[in-house]
Amino acid sequence: MKKYFITGLITLLPLTLTILVLIFVVNLLTKPFMGFMIKMLSHTEIQQMHPQLLKYASEFIILVGIFLFTLLLGIFARWFFFNTLINVSDKIIHKIPLVNKVYKTTQEIIKTLFITDKNSFKQVVMAPFPHKGLYTIGFISRKAPEACNDIVEKDMISVFIPTTPNPTTGFLIMFDVKDLIYIDMKPEDAIKYVVSCGVIIPDKNEEQIKS
């Protein structure tokens, strides 16, 4: 009985929390416009609907309106203001002592991840860490600096090793290419595995273990 109850609770809780969050977000977005929308609909045939259905219809129309307004605003801003705003912001922030160092570093990381190299952190590997004979999940960043390769006279690759259960922190380690084992695993599945402390196993790996 206890096992069944816990299983049902685990199944029901995420769904319940998701619904509650959605209701909260919908109310938060639509509440400021609800009075105006109901007043507008009162001049149409929709006013004959049940009050609750009228409320749902108003929320739906408001959400669609917010979505379209946000989409148009994004298109307009990207076309006319985006480049100018970014350039002005860069110039201002780059002149602020200390802040400019952090900003430049962050900017380079973002450009590396999303602009210059779309393959960064896309490949999952098994890396020998903390020493040979033991393996941990890692993400290929990119090739190690040439200066480092020249010193050790090896072809090195920079690998990010995330910590458990917080994958936003970790270690950046340069490995010999020959020491890495490339595995067929999606980055999001690898993150789930790390965050869950190994409890959530990707489907492919789980099937191999069972077999």
Protein backbone atom coordinates (compact mmCIF):
# COMPACT_ATOMS: atom_id res chain seq x y z
CA MET A 1 0.00 0.00 0.00
CA LYS A 2 2.78 2.40 0.93
CA LYS A 3 4.65 1.76 -2.33
CA TYR A 4 1.50 2.37 -4.38
CA PHE A 5 0.77 5.60 -2.49
CA ILE A 6 4.33 6.91 -3.04
CA THR A 7 4.18 5.98 -6.73
CA GLY A 8 0.88 7.81 -7.13
CA LEU A 9 2.24 10.81 -5.24
CA ILE A 10 5.33 10.98 -7.45
CA THR A 11 3.11 10.81 -10.53
CA LEU A 12 0.59 13.38 -9.29
CA LEU A 13 2.85 16.01 -7.71
CA PRO A 14 4.72 17.16 -10.87
CA LEU A 15 1.44 17.42 -12.80
CA THR A 16 -0.24 19.33 -9.97
CA LEU A 17 2.67 21.74 -9.56
CA THR A 18 2.80 22.32 -13.32
CA ILE A 19 -0.91 23.16 -13.44
CA LEU A 20 -0.61 25.51 -10.44
CA VAL A 21 2.33 27.33 -12.01
CA LEU A 22 0.48 27.68 -15.32
CA ILE A 23 -2.61 29.05 -13.56
CA PHE A 24 -0.46 31.53 -11.63
CA VAL A 25 1.30 32.74 -14.80
CA VAL A 26 -1.96 33.05 -16.74
CA ASN A 27 -3.61 35.04 -13.92
CA LEU A 28 -0.52 37.23 -13.58
CA LEU A 29 -0.49 38.09 -17.28
CA THR A 30 -4.22 38.48 -17.86
CA LYS A 31 -5.45 40.11 -14.64
CA PRO A 32 -4.42 43.70 -15.57
CA PHE A 33 -6.39 43.49 -18.84
CA MET A 34 -9.34 41.38 -17.68
CA GLY A 35 -11.69 44.25 -16.87
CA PHE A 36 -11.07 45.97 -20.18
CA MET A 37 -11.48 42.76 -22.17
CA ILE A 38 -14.73 41.76 -20.47
CA LYS A 39 -16.07 45.24 -21.13
CA MET A 40 -15.12 44.92 -24.80
CA LEU A 41 -16.75 41.50 -25.09
CA SER A 42 -19.91 42.77 -23.42
CA HIS A 43 -20.74 44.58 -26.67
CA THR A 44 -20.66 41.33 -28.64
CA GLU A 45 -22.66 38.11 -28.68
CA ILE A 46 -20.03 36.51 -26.42
CA GLN A 47 -21.59 38.29 -23.42
CA GLN A 48 -24.37 35.67 -23.49
CA MET A 49 -21.87 32.99 -22.46
CA HIS A 50 -21.61 31.63 -18.95
CA PRO A 51 -19.48 33.98 -16.76
CA GLN A 52 -16.79 31.34 -16.31
CA LEU A 53 -16.63 30.67 -20.06
CA LEU A 54 -16.49 34.43 -20.65
CA LYS A 55 -13.52 34.60 -18.29
CA TYR A 56 -11.72 31.79 -20.14
CA ALA A 57 -12.43 33.43 -23.51
CA SER A 58 -11.05 36.75 -22.22
CA GLU A 59 -7.89 35.07 -20.89
CA PHE A 60 -7.33 33.30 -24.20
CA ILE A 61 -7.72 36.49 -26.23
CA ILE A 62 -5.41 38.40 -23.86
CA LEU A 63 -2.72 35.69 -24.04
CA VAL A 64 -2.87 35.66 -27.85
CA GLY A 65 -2.66 39.46 -27.86
CA ILE A 66 0.35 39.46 -25.51
CA PHE A 67 2.09 36.84 -27.65
CA LEU A 68 1.53 38.76 -30.90
CA PHE A 69 2.54 42.07 -29.30
CA THR A 70 5.74 40.53 -27.90
CA LEU A 71 6.54 38.92 -31.26
CA LEU A 72 6.05 42.16 -33.19
CA LEU A 73 8.01 44.12 -30.58
CA GLY A 74 10.88 41.65 -30.85
CA ILE A 75 10.92 41.87 -34.66
CA PHE A 76 10.76 45.66 -34.59
CA ALA A 77 13.45 45.96 -31.93
CA ARG A 78 15.75 43.53 -33.71
CA TRP A 79 15.43 45.33 -37.01
CA PHE A 80 15.80 48.91 -35.82
CA PHE A 81 17.27 49.09 -32.32
CA PHE A 82 19.06 45.88 -31.45
CA ASN A 83 22.45 46.57 -33.03
CA THR A 84 22.48 50.20 -31.92
CA LEU A 85 21.50 49.32 -28.35
CA ILE A 86 24.12 46.59 -28.10
CA ASN A 87 26.87 48.84 -29.44
CA VAL A 88 26.01 51.69 -27.07
CA SER A 89 25.78 49.31 -24.10
CA ASP A 90 29.14 47.76 -24.95
CA LYS A 91 30.84 51.13 -25.11
CA ILE A 92 29.42 52.23 -21.75
CA ILE A 93 30.13 48.98 -19.89
CA HIS A 94 33.63 48.67 -21.35
CA LYS A 95 34.54 52.00 -19.70
CA ILE A 96 33.50 50.93 -16.18
CA PRO A 97 36.50 49.68 -14.15
CA LEU A 98 36.31 46.09 -12.83
CA VAL A 99 32.86 45.62 -14.35
CA ASN A 100 34.35 45.69 -17.85
CA LYS A 101 36.62 42.73 -17.02
CA VAL A 102 33.71 40.54 -15.95
CA TYR A 103 31.55 41.72 -18.84
CA LYS A 104 34.23 41.06 -21.47
CA THR A 105 34.86 37.56 -20.12
CA THR A 106 31.14 36.74 -20.02
CA GLN A 107 30.65 38.16 -23.50
CA GLU A 108 33.43 36.00 -24.91
CA ILE A 109 31.96 32.89 -23.28
CA ILE A 110 28.48 33.60 -24.66
CA LYS A 111 29.84 34.22 -28.16
CA THR A 112 31.85 31.03 -27.98
CA LEU A 113 28.86 28.95 -26.91
CA PHE A 114 26.16 30.39 -29.14
CA ILE A 115 27.86 32.14 -32.06
CA THR A 116 31.43 31.20 -32.94
CA ASP A 117 31.39 27.49 -32.14
CA LYS A 118 28.06 25.73 -32.14
CA ASN A 119 29.67 22.38 -31.32
CA SER A 120 30.87 23.44 -27.86
CA PHE A 121 29.39 21.30 -25.05
CA LYS A 122 27.48 19.22 -27.61
CA GLN A 123 29.69 16.13 -27.36
CA VAL A 124 29.55 13.99 -24.21
CA VAL A 125 32.63 12.00 -23.23
CA MET A 126 33.87 9.72 -20.47
CA ALA A 127 37.01 11.30 -19.05
CA PRO A 128 39.57 9.71 -16.67
CA PHE A 129 38.95 11.78 -13.56
CA PRO A 130 40.09 12.21 -10.81
CA HIS A 131 42.71 9.70 -12.02
CA LYS A 132 43.16 6.94 -14.57
CA GLY A 133 40.98 3.91 -13.98
CA LEU A 134 38.00 6.04 -12.92
CA TYR A 135 35.69 7.82 -15.34
CA THR A 136 33.28 10.72 -15.13
CA ILE A 137 30.91 12.46 -17.51
CA GLY A 138 32.39 15.46 -19.31
CA PHE A 139 31.52 17.87 -22.12
CA ILE A 140 33.92 18.78 -24.91
CA SER A 141 34.55 22.53 -24.84
CA ARG A 142 37.03 22.95 -27.68
CA LYS A 143 40.66 22.31 -28.49
CA ALA A 144 43.20 23.26 -25.84
CA PRO A 145 45.33 26.36 -26.44
CA GLU A 146 48.20 25.74 -28.85
CA ALA A 147 50.67 26.95 -26.21
CA CYS A 148 49.58 24.11 -23.92
CA ASN A 149 49.76 21.54 -26.72
CA ASP A 150 53.25 22.63 -27.64
CA ILE A 151 54.56 22.33 -24.06
CA VAL A 152 53.39 18.73 -23.52
CA GLU A 153 53.80 17.85 -27.23
CA LYS A 154 50.34 16.26 -27.27
CA ASP A 155 47.01 16.99 -28.91
CA MET A 156 44.91 18.16 -25.96
CA ILE A 157 41.18 18.90 -25.66
CA SER A 158 39.50 21.10 -23.06
CA VAL A 159 36.73 19.23 -21.23
CA PHE A 160 34.27 20.63 -18.71
CA ILE A 161 33.64 18.23 -15.81
CA PRO A 162 30.38 19.23 -14.02
CA THR A 163 29.90 18.63 -10.31
CA THR A 164 26.98 16.78 -8.74
CA PRO A 165 24.23 17.81 -8.11
CA ASN A 166 25.00 21.38 -9.30
CA PRO A 167 26.29 21.16 -12.89
CA THR A 168 26.84 24.94 -13.14
CA THR A 169 30.12 24.44 -11.27
CA GLY A 170 32.90 22.07 -12.12
CA PHE A 171 36.42 21.66 -13.46
CA LEU A 172 37.96 22.66 -16.78
CA ILE A 173 40.59 20.04 -17.55
CA MET A 174 42.80 19.47 -20.58
CA PHE A 175 42.92 15.80 -21.55
CA ASP A 176 44.94 13.91 -24.09
CA VAL A 177 42.66 13.09 -27.01
CA LYS A 178 43.55 9.40 -26.68
CA ASP A 179 42.34 9.29 -23.06
CA LEU A 180 38.77 10.35 -23.86
CA ILE A 181 35.95 7.93 -24.66
CA TYR A 182 33.27 9.44 -26.90
CA ILE A 183 29.79 8.19 -26.05
CA ASP A 184 26.47 8.42 -27.85
CA MET A 185 24.53 10.41 -25.26
CA LYS A 186 22.57 13.64 -25.58
CA PRO A 187 23.92 16.58 -23.50
CA GLU A 188 20.54 17.02 -21.79
CA ASP A 189 20.51 13.33 -20.78
CA ALA A 190 24.03 13.67 -19.40
CA ILE A 191 22.97 16.72 -17.37
CA LYS A 192 20.01 14.81 -15.94
CA TYR A 193 22.36 11.98 -14.97
CA VAL A 194 24.70 14.40 -13.19
CA VAL A 195 21.97 16.39 -11.44
CA SER A 196 20.20 13.25 -10.20
CA CYS A 197 23.46 11.85 -8.79
CA GLY A 198 23.20 8.92 -11.18
CA VAL A 199 19.58 8.06 -10.33
CA ILE A 200 18.16 9.07 -13.72
CA ILE A 201 19.85 6.88 -16.33
CA PRO A 202 19.44 7.65 -20.07
CA ASP A 203 17.21 5.11 -21.82
CA LYS A 204 19.94 3.62 -24.01
CA ASN A 205 22.27 3.03 -21.06
CA GLU A 206 19.42 1.65 -18.97
CA GLU A 207 18.60 -0.93 -21.64
CA GLN A 208 22.25 -1.99 -21.78
CA ILE A 209 22.39 -2.43 -17.99
CA LYS A 210 19.20 -4.52 -17.95
CA SER A 211 20.53 -6.74 -20.71
